[in-house]
Amino acid sequence: ENIVLVPLVHSLLRVFNALIDRTVFDILNDMLLTIFMLKEETFSYIKDYSINILCNRNLETEIVAKFGQAFLEKQRIEVLRHYRLCIKMVCESYTTESVQSKIAIQTKISLLKKLEFLT
């Protein structure tokens, strides 16, 4: 919750989201999926950051005081965009004809369940 790191994390998330959004290579998509959905440390960090940006009223007050309301709204939009792109990555990775096994379907379901905290 170090307020000084919020703009840095936001910038990194924007860069990663741009990469995810523009990926046309399966191997890069797989690498990004591994980093953001399968690597538990990364997933947990971004999840905790997201929950705080979206729901923590004390942090909201600090961010608005230091950076302004518009900055907070951009943060929130970028967090939600990140998870939309993660869902897109999961769906694209596990819907090709070459990956229709029962294990692939179970993996897809388990990855999507990791995002249930958003509901």
Protein backbone atom coordinates (compact mmCIF):
# COMPACT_ATOMS: atom_id res chain seq x y z
CA GLU A 1 0.00 0.00 0.00
CA ASN A 2 2.91 2.35 -0.50
CA ILE A 3 1.23 5.28 -2.21
CA VAL A 4 4.45 6.24 -4.00
CA LEU A 5 4.43 2.91 -5.89
CA VAL A 6 0.90 3.31 -7.23
CA PRO A 7 1.90 5.27 -10.38
CA LEU A 8 4.71 2.78 -11.07
CA VAL A 9 2.44 -0.24 -10.76
CA HIS A 10 -0.15 1.54 -12.91
CA SER A 11 2.45 2.20 -15.64
CA LEU A 12 3.63 -1.41 -15.60
CA LEU A 13 0.07 -2.66 -15.80
CA ARG A 14 -0.59 -0.40 -18.80
CA VAL A 15 2.50 -1.76 -20.60
CA PHE A 16 1.59 -5.37 -19.82
CA ASN A 17 -2.01 -4.80 -20.91
CA ALA A 18 -0.82 -3.33 -24.20
CA LEU A 19 1.36 -6.41 -24.76
CA ILE A 20 -1.50 -8.77 -23.95
CA ASP A 21 -3.92 -6.85 -26.15
CA ARG A 22 -1.65 -6.76 -29.20
CA THR A 23 -0.24 -10.27 -29.06
CA VAL A 24 -0.69 -12.27 -32.24
CA PHE A 25 1.84 -15.01 -31.48
CA ASP A 26 0.68 -18.06 -29.56
CA ILE A 27 4.03 -18.45 -27.84
CA LEU A 28 3.93 -14.88 -26.50
CA ASN A 29 0.32 -15.35 -25.42
CA ASP A 30 1.35 -18.52 -23.56
CA MET A 31 4.22 -16.70 -21.86
CA LEU A 32 1.97 -13.83 -20.76
CA LEU A 33 -0.67 -16.29 -19.57
CA THR A 34 1.96 -18.04 -17.49
CA ILE A 35 3.19 -14.77 -15.98
CA PHE A 36 -0.21 -13.31 -15.14
CA MET A 37 -2.41 -16.31 -14.42
CA LEU A 38 -0.21 -19.30 -13.57
CA LYS A 39 2.64 -17.67 -11.65
CA GLU A 40 1.02 -17.37 -8.24
CA GLU A 41 3.27 -14.56 -6.94
CA THR A 42 2.43 -12.28 -9.86
CA PHE A 43 -1.24 -13.17 -9.83
CA SER A 44 -1.53 -12.57 -6.07
CA TYR A 45 0.30 -9.25 -6.21
CA ILE A 46 -1.88 -7.87 -8.99
CA LYS A 47 -5.00 -9.28 -7.33
CA ASP A 48 -4.17 -7.57 -4.00
CA TYR A 49 -3.31 -4.33 -5.81
CA SER A 50 -6.59 -4.54 -7.76
CA ILE A 51 -8.73 -5.16 -4.70
CA ASN A 52 -7.13 -2.17 -2.97
CA ILE A 53 -7.53 0.12 -6.00
CA LEU A 54 -11.15 -0.91 -6.47
CA CYS A 55 -12.36 -1.22 -2.86
CA ASN A 56 -10.05 0.32 -0.27
CA ARG A 57 -11.63 3.63 0.79
CA ASN A 58 -8.55 4.75 2.76
CA LEU A 59 -6.31 4.21 -0.25
CA GLU A 60 -8.89 5.95 -2.46
CA THR A 61 -8.71 9.01 -0.22
CA GLU A 62 -4.90 9.02 -0.31
CA ILE A 63 -4.73 8.61 -4.09
CA VAL A 64 -7.28 11.36 -4.74
CA ALA A 65 -5.45 13.70 -2.34
CA LYS A 66 -2.05 13.05 -3.92
CA PHE A 67 -2.86 12.42 -7.60
CA GLY A 68 -6.48 13.48 -8.18
CA GLN A 69 -9.80 11.77 -8.94
CA ALA A 70 -9.04 11.34 -12.65
CA PHE A 71 -5.88 9.39 -11.83
CA LEU A 72 -7.84 7.04 -9.55
CA GLU A 73 -10.42 6.42 -12.27
CA LYS A 74 -7.66 5.61 -14.79
CA GLN A 75 -6.22 3.14 -12.26
CA ARG A 76 -9.55 1.41 -11.84
CA ILE A 77 -10.20 1.22 -15.58
CA GLU A 78 -6.74 -0.26 -16.18
CA VAL A 79 -7.24 -2.89 -13.47
CA LEU A 80 -10.55 -3.97 -14.99
CA ARG A 81 -9.01 -3.94 -18.46
CA HIS A 82 -6.26 -6.23 -17.20
CA TYR A 83 -8.72 -8.88 -16.07
CA ARG A 84 -10.76 -8.59 -19.25
CA LEU A 85 -7.55 -9.25 -21.18
CA CYS A 86 -6.66 -12.16 -18.89
CA ILE A 87 -10.02 -13.76 -19.65
CA LYS A 88 -9.38 -13.19 -23.35
CA MET A 89 -5.95 -14.84 -23.04
CA VAL A 90 -7.36 -17.87 -21.25
CA CYS A 91 -10.13 -18.30 -23.80
CA GLU A 92 -7.78 -17.94 -26.75
CA SER A 93 -5.22 -20.33 -25.30
CA TYR A 94 -7.69 -23.10 -24.67
CA THR A 95 -9.99 -22.89 -27.68
CA THR A 96 -7.73 -23.83 -30.58
CA GLU A 97 -8.51 -27.14 -32.28
CA SER A 98 -5.19 -28.59 -31.13
CA VAL A 99 -6.12 -28.11 -27.48
CA GLN A 100 -9.50 -29.75 -26.94
CA SER A 101 -8.50 -32.31 -24.32
CA LYS A 102 -10.28 -32.77 -21.02
CA ILE A 103 -7.19 -31.45 -19.21
CA ALA A 104 -7.22 -28.26 -21.30
CA ILE A 105 -10.89 -27.67 -20.51
CA GLN A 106 -10.28 -28.25 -16.79
CA THR A 107 -7.30 -25.87 -16.88
CA LYS A 108 -9.40 -23.19 -18.58
CA ILE A 109 -12.13 -23.55 -15.95
CA SER A 110 -9.67 -23.42 -13.05
CA LEU A 111 -7.98 -20.30 -14.45
CA LEU A 112 -11.30 -18.54 -14.91
CA LYS A 113 -12.32 -19.50 -11.36
CA LYS A 114 -9.25 -17.62 -10.09
CA LEU A 115 -11.01 -14.47 -11.27
CA GLU A 116 -14.18 -15.06 -9.25
CA PHE A 117 -13.03 -12.44 -6.74
CA LEU A 118 -14.11 -9.84 -9.32
CA THR A 119 -17.78 -10.71 -8.90
